[in-house]
Amino acid sequence: MTVLIAVLCVILGAISVIFPGPIWYLSYGWRYRDMDPSRAALMTQRVGGILLSLIGFIMIAV
């Protein structure tokens, strides 16, 4: 079960790194009308994806 959660973390983290705009829209963008994410919001989304992927890799390794 832990391996499944770890793989899910890695996959979701990678998607967040590769496609930060759509992930931002699914998370926060639907709340605002006619608004695009800022560079800071996209960078935060990418950093969060990297951290989530690292947590998944650590869970797999341990």
C-alpha atoms as a PDB file:
ATOM      1  CA  MET A   1       0.000   0.000   0.000  1.00  0.00           C
ATOM      2  CA  THR A   2       2.849   2.373   0.816  1.00  0.00           C
ATOM      3  CA  VAL A   3       4.452   1.724  -2.566  1.00  0.00           C
ATOM      4  CA  LEU A   4       1.190   2.592  -4.307  1.00  0.00           C
ATOM      5  CA  ILE A   5       0.969   5.895  -2.436  1.00  0.00           C
ATOM      6  CA  ALA A   6       4.637   6.594  -3.214  1.00  0.00           C
ATOM      7  CA  VAL A   7       4.146   5.972  -6.929  1.00  0.00           C
ATOM      8  CA  LEU A   8       1.052   8.182  -6.888  1.00  0.00           C
ATOM      9  CA  CYS A   9       3.101  10.954  -5.236  1.00  0.00           C
ATOM     10  CA  VAL A  10       5.797  10.672  -7.891  1.00  0.00           C
ATOM     11  CA  ILE A  11       3.283  10.741 -10.746  1.00  0.00           C
ATOM     12  CA  LEU A  12       1.297  13.685  -9.369  1.00  0.00           C
ATOM     13  CA  GLY A  13       4.494  15.568  -8.582  1.00  0.00           C
ATOM     14  CA  ALA A  14       5.800  15.039 -12.097  1.00  0.00           C
ATOM     15  CA  ILE A  15       2.528  16.233 -13.608  1.00  0.00           C
ATOM     16  CA  SER A  16       2.674  19.319 -11.406  1.00  0.00           C
ATOM     17  CA  VAL A  17       6.219  20.074 -12.582  1.00  0.00           C
ATOM     18  CA  ILE A  18       5.479  19.527 -16.269  1.00  0.00           C
ATOM     19  CA  PHE A  19       2.043  21.199 -16.409  1.00  0.00           C
ATOM     20  CA  PRO A  20       1.896  23.818 -13.633  1.00  0.00           C
ATOM     21  CA  GLY A  21      -0.669  26.026 -15.409  1.00  0.00           C
ATOM     22  CA  PRO A  22      -3.488  23.491 -15.691  1.00  0.00           C
ATOM     23  CA  ILE A  23      -2.773  22.203 -12.184  1.00  0.00           C
ATOM     24  CA  TRP A  24      -2.954  25.774 -10.850  1.00  0.00           C
ATOM     25  CA  TYR A  25      -6.259  26.240 -12.637  1.00  0.00           C
ATOM     26  CA  LEU A  26      -7.671  23.029 -11.152  1.00  0.00           C
ATOM     27  CA  SER A  27      -6.482  24.022  -7.683  1.00  0.00           C
ATOM     28  CA  TYR A  28      -7.116  27.769  -7.543  1.00  0.00           C
ATOM     29  CA  GLY A  29      -7.955  29.232 -10.945  1.00  0.00           C
ATOM     30  CA  TRP A  30     -11.572  28.141 -10.963  1.00  0.00           C
ATOM     31  CA  ARG A  31     -12.167  30.544  -8.059  1.00  0.00           C
ATOM     32  CA  TYR A  32     -11.220  33.625 -10.073  1.00  0.00           C
ATOM     33  CA  ARG A  33     -12.749  35.031 -13.231  1.00  0.00           C
ATOM     34  CA  ASP A  34     -10.508  35.958 -16.202  1.00  0.00           C
ATOM     35  CA  MET A  35      -7.244  35.544 -14.299  1.00  0.00           C
ATOM     36  CA  ASP A  36      -3.970  33.941 -15.298  1.00  0.00           C
ATOM     37  CA  PRO A  37      -1.469  32.519 -12.812  1.00  0.00           C
ATOM     38  CA  SER A  38       1.503  34.691 -11.933  1.00  0.00           C
ATOM     39  CA  ARG A  39       5.080  33.531 -12.355  1.00  0.00           C
ATOM     40  CA  ALA A  40       5.338  33.142  -8.597  1.00  0.00           C
ATOM     41  CA  ALA A  41       2.251  30.912  -8.525  1.00  0.00           C
ATOM     42  CA  LEU A  42       3.622  28.722 -11.313  1.00  0.00           C
ATOM     43  CA  MET A  43       7.021  28.503  -9.616  1.00  0.00           C
ATOM     44  CA  THR A  44       5.373  27.560  -6.331  1.00  0.00           C
ATOM     45  CA  GLN A  45       3.401  24.870  -8.148  1.00  0.00           C
ATOM     46  CA  ARG A  46       6.606  23.484  -9.671  1.00  0.00           C
ATOM     47  CA  VAL A  47       8.484  23.507  -6.361  1.00  0.00           C
ATOM     48  CA  GLY A  48       5.576  21.727  -4.714  1.00  0.00           C
ATOM     49  CA  GLY A  49       5.648  19.108  -7.463  1.00  0.00           C
ATOM     50  CA  ILE A  50       9.373  18.587  -6.996  1.00  0.00           C
ATOM     51  CA  LEU A  51       8.921  18.159  -3.241  1.00  0.00           C
ATOM     52  CA  LEU A  52       6.033  15.744  -3.741  1.00  0.00           C
ATOM     53  CA  SER A  53       8.118  13.674  -6.164  1.00  0.00           C
ATOM     54  CA  LEU A  54      11.046  13.628  -3.730  1.00  0.00           C
ATOM     55  CA  ILE A  55       8.776  12.441  -0.937  1.00  0.00           C
ATOM     56  CA  GLY A  56       7.529   9.661  -3.229  1.00  0.00           C
ATOM     57  CA  PHE A  57      11.061   8.591  -4.120  1.00  0.00           C
ATOM     58  CA  ILE A  58      12.058   8.572  -0.455  1.00  0.00           C
ATOM     59  CA  MET A  59       9.025   6.441   0.378  1.00  0.00           C
ATOM     60  CA  ILE A  60      10.005   3.977  -2.340  1.00  0.00           C
ATOM     61  CA  ALA A  61      13.621   3.837  -1.159  1.00  0.00           C
ATOM     62  CA  VAL A  62      12.781   3.237   2.491  1.00  0.00           C
END
